[in-house]
Amino acid sequence: MLGHHYMRVCHIISLRAYHIIRH
């Protein structure tokens, strides 16, 4: 399922961006 993989990647990027912005 490519959609599931895309969602997972998007979630990881979101967490990384959130961490960078918070820091």
C-alpha atoms as a PDB file:
ATOM      1  CA  MET A   1       0.000   0.000   0.000  1.00  0.00           C
ATOM      2  CA  LEU A   2       1.751   3.139  -1.213  1.00  0.00           C
ATOM      3  CA  GLY A   3      -0.793   5.381   0.514  1.00  0.00           C
ATOM      4  CA  HIS A   4       0.020   3.946   3.947  1.00  0.00           C
ATOM      5  CA  HIS A   5       3.751   4.430   3.352  1.00  0.00           C
ATOM      6  CA  TYR A   6       3.161   8.021   2.235  1.00  0.00           C
ATOM      7  CA  MET A   7       1.131   8.741   5.372  1.00  0.00           C
ATOM      8  CA  ARG A   8       3.908   7.296   7.529  1.00  0.00           C
ATOM      9  CA  VAL A   9       6.558   9.416   5.783  1.00  0.00           C
ATOM     10  CA  CYS A  10       4.370  12.511   6.122  1.00  0.00           C
ATOM     11  CA  HIS A  11       3.931  11.792   9.836  1.00  0.00           C
ATOM     12  CA  ILE A  12       7.697  11.418  10.353  1.00  0.00           C
ATOM     13  CA  ILE A  13       8.379  14.657   8.475  1.00  0.00           C
ATOM     14  CA  SER A  14       5.714  16.424  10.533  1.00  0.00           C
ATOM     15  CA  LEU A  15       7.252  15.245  13.806  1.00  0.00           C
ATOM     16  CA  ARG A  16      10.743  16.267  12.645  1.00  0.00           C
ATOM     17  CA  ALA A  17       9.513  19.705  11.545  1.00  0.00           C
ATOM     18  CA  TYR A  18       7.641  20.150  14.842  1.00  0.00           C
ATOM     19  CA  HIS A  19      10.774  19.255  16.805  1.00  0.00           C
ATOM     20  CA  ILE A  20      12.902  21.697  14.784  1.00  0.00           C
ATOM     21  CA  ILE A  21      10.347  24.506  15.142  1.00  0.00           C
ATOM     22  CA  ARG A  22       9.956  23.910  18.871  1.00  0.00           C
ATOM     23  CA  HIS A  23      13.742  23.902  19.321  1.00  0.00           C
END
